[in-house]
Amino acid sequence: MAGRQDMFDAIVMADERFHGEGYQEGYEDGSSLGRIEGRQHGALRGAKIGSEIGCYQGFAFAWKHLLHSDASERDSRKMKVLESLMGMIEKFPYDDPAYDKLHEDLDRIRGKFRQLCSLLNVQPDFKMSAEGSGLSF
């Protein structure tokens, strides 16, 4: 009778056992796929931010050269804002994705860039697309 009871218990408990095994397999597969997807998303987002910062940096270097060659009193404010933008870009934590103020610093750089564009009377249009990024005027 005990053997018969064990056989019935095995049948009744099979559903619970299969459910547990399926859950464990699904959890392992989902964790693996989630890590891969997260890495891809992070790399894409990091590339976009890097492209944006690089565009700002190139813009700042070009205008520094242009303003430096034609230095005047009224350009001193432009140069101060330009130097400030370049300093912010230089201090940006490119190699620390866990930096907790990354988005705040990025917003400050964007704001300083807009301020510089206003002073220079330039209307930039930073575009991100599948073909790449660009800054047009």
Protein backbone atom coordinates (compact mmCIF):
# COMPACT_ATOMS: atom_id res chain seq x y z
CA MET A 1 0.00 0.00 0.00
CA ALA A 2 2.91 2.39 0.75
CA GLY A 3 4.32 1.85 -2.77
CA ARG A 4 0.95 2.65 -4.25
CA GLN A 5 0.70 5.87 -2.17
CA ASP A 6 4.19 6.99 -3.36
CA MET A 7 3.15 6.42 -6.97
CA PHE A 8 0.04 8.59 -6.53
CA ASP A 9 2.06 11.26 -4.73
CA ALA A 10 4.53 11.31 -7.63
CA ILE A 11 1.68 11.81 -10.12
CA VAL A 12 -0.03 14.50 -8.04
CA MET A 13 3.22 16.33 -7.31
CA ALA A 14 4.44 16.15 -10.94
CA ASP A 15 2.60 19.35 -11.82
CA GLU A 16 4.28 21.25 -9.01
CA ARG A 17 7.68 19.78 -9.84
CA PHE A 18 7.36 20.62 -13.57
CA HIS A 19 6.19 24.10 -12.69
CA GLY A 20 9.26 24.64 -10.48
CA GLU A 21 11.66 23.29 -13.09
CA GLY A 22 10.06 25.41 -15.84
CA TYR A 23 10.24 28.49 -13.68
CA GLN A 24 13.93 27.90 -12.95
CA GLU A 25 14.78 27.35 -16.65
CA GLY A 26 12.80 30.44 -17.66
CA TYR A 27 14.46 32.54 -14.99
CA GLU A 28 17.94 31.50 -16.13
CA ASP A 29 17.14 32.13 -19.81
CA GLY A 30 15.51 35.48 -19.04
CA SER A 31 18.46 36.60 -16.91
CA SER A 32 20.89 35.75 -19.69
CA LEU A 33 18.84 37.50 -22.37
CA GLY A 34 18.24 40.49 -20.10
CA ARG A 35 21.97 40.92 -19.55
CA ILE A 36 22.63 40.80 -23.29
CA GLU A 37 19.82 43.22 -24.08
CA GLY A 38 20.91 45.56 -21.29
CA ARG A 39 24.50 45.57 -22.53
CA GLN A 40 23.34 46.39 -26.08
CA HIS A 41 21.06 49.17 -24.85
CA GLY A 42 23.83 50.62 -22.67
CA ALA A 43 26.34 50.58 -25.51
CA LEU A 44 23.89 52.32 -27.84
CA ARG A 45 22.96 54.96 -25.27
CA GLY A 46 26.62 55.52 -24.38
CA ALA A 47 27.49 55.95 -28.06
CA LYS A 48 24.74 58.56 -28.48
CA ILE A 49 25.91 60.53 -25.45
CA GLY A 50 29.54 60.28 -26.58
CA SER A 51 28.61 61.50 -30.05
CA GLU A 52 26.69 64.42 -28.60
CA ILE A 53 29.54 65.43 -26.28
CA GLY A 54 32.05 65.04 -29.11
CA CYS A 55 29.99 67.31 -31.30
CA TYR A 56 29.87 69.95 -28.57
CA GLN A 57 33.62 69.62 -28.10
CA GLY A 58 34.36 70.05 -31.81
CA PHE A 59 32.04 73.05 -31.93
CA ALA A 60 33.82 74.61 -28.95
CA PHE A 61 37.32 74.01 -30.38
CA ALA A 62 36.37 75.56 -33.70
CA TRP A 63 34.83 78.64 -32.09
CA LYS A 64 37.76 79.00 -29.70
CA HIS A 65 40.09 79.21 -32.65
CA LEU A 66 37.83 81.67 -34.47
CA LEU A 67 37.36 83.92 -31.44
CA HIS A 68 41.00 83.72 -30.37
CA SER A 69 42.23 84.95 -33.74
CA ASP A 70 39.89 87.95 -33.58
CA ALA A 71 39.96 88.76 -29.86
CA SER A 72 38.11 91.90 -28.84
CA GLU A 73 36.47 93.24 -25.71
CA ARG A 74 32.98 92.15 -26.68
CA ASP A 75 34.24 88.62 -27.34
CA SER A 76 35.49 88.26 -23.76
CA ARG A 77 32.08 87.10 -22.49
CA LYS A 78 31.85 84.62 -25.35
CA MET A 79 35.32 83.33 -24.48
CA LYS A 80 34.36 82.93 -20.81
CA VAL A 81 31.29 80.87 -21.69
CA LEU A 82 33.32 78.91 -24.25
CA GLU A 83 36.04 78.13 -21.70
CA SER A 84 33.38 77.10 -19.21
CA LEU A 85 31.82 74.71 -21.74
CA MET A 86 35.21 73.23 -22.57
CA GLY A 87 35.97 72.76 -18.87
CA MET A 88 32.66 71.00 -18.31
CA ILE A 89 33.30 68.70 -21.26
CA GLU A 90 36.80 67.97 -20.00
CA LYS A 91 35.49 67.02 -16.53
CA PHE A 92 32.67 64.84 -17.91
CA PRO A 93 33.05 61.26 -16.56
CA TYR A 94 33.34 59.32 -19.84
CA ASP A 95 34.59 56.13 -18.21
CA ASP A 96 32.22 55.95 -15.23
CA PRO A 97 28.74 54.78 -16.30
CA ALA A 98 27.68 54.45 -12.66
CA TYR A 99 28.31 58.15 -11.96
CA ASP A 100 25.13 59.31 -10.21
CA LYS A 101 25.15 62.87 -11.59
CA LEU A 102 25.80 61.90 -15.21
CA HIS A 103 22.46 63.18 -16.49
CA GLU A 104 22.69 66.37 -14.43
CA ASP A 105 26.15 67.12 -15.82
CA LEU A 106 24.95 66.35 -19.34
CA ASP A 107 22.02 68.74 -18.90
CA ARG A 108 24.42 71.45 -17.67
CA ILE A 109 26.62 70.95 -20.73
CA ARG A 110 23.58 71.19 -23.00
CA GLY A 111 22.52 74.38 -21.27
CA LYS A 112 25.97 75.93 -21.55
CA PHE A 113 26.05 74.94 -25.23
CA ARG A 114 22.71 76.67 -25.82
CA GLN A 115 23.98 79.74 -23.97
CA LEU A 116 27.09 79.85 -26.16
CA CYS A 117 25.03 79.45 -29.31
CA SER A 118 22.85 82.34 -28.21
CA LEU A 119 25.88 84.56 -27.59
CA LEU A 120 27.36 83.59 -30.96
CA ASN A 121 23.99 84.08 -32.68
CA VAL A 122 24.15 80.54 -34.09
CA GLN A 123 21.12 78.26 -34.47
CA PRO A 124 22.47 74.69 -34.18
CA ASP A 125 20.42 71.61 -34.91
CA PHE A 126 21.94 68.53 -33.32
CA LYS A 127 20.50 65.44 -34.99
CA MET A 128 20.77 61.80 -34.06
CA SER A 129 19.83 59.32 -36.73
CA ALA A 130 20.64 55.86 -38.04
CA GLU A 131 23.14 57.40 -40.49
CA GLY A 132 25.03 59.06 -37.65
CA SER A 133 24.99 62.28 -35.75
CA GLY A 134 25.60 65.77 -36.90
CA LEU A 135 25.40 69.40 -36.06
CA SER A 136 24.07 71.59 -38.82
CA PHE A 137 23.60 75.32 -39.04
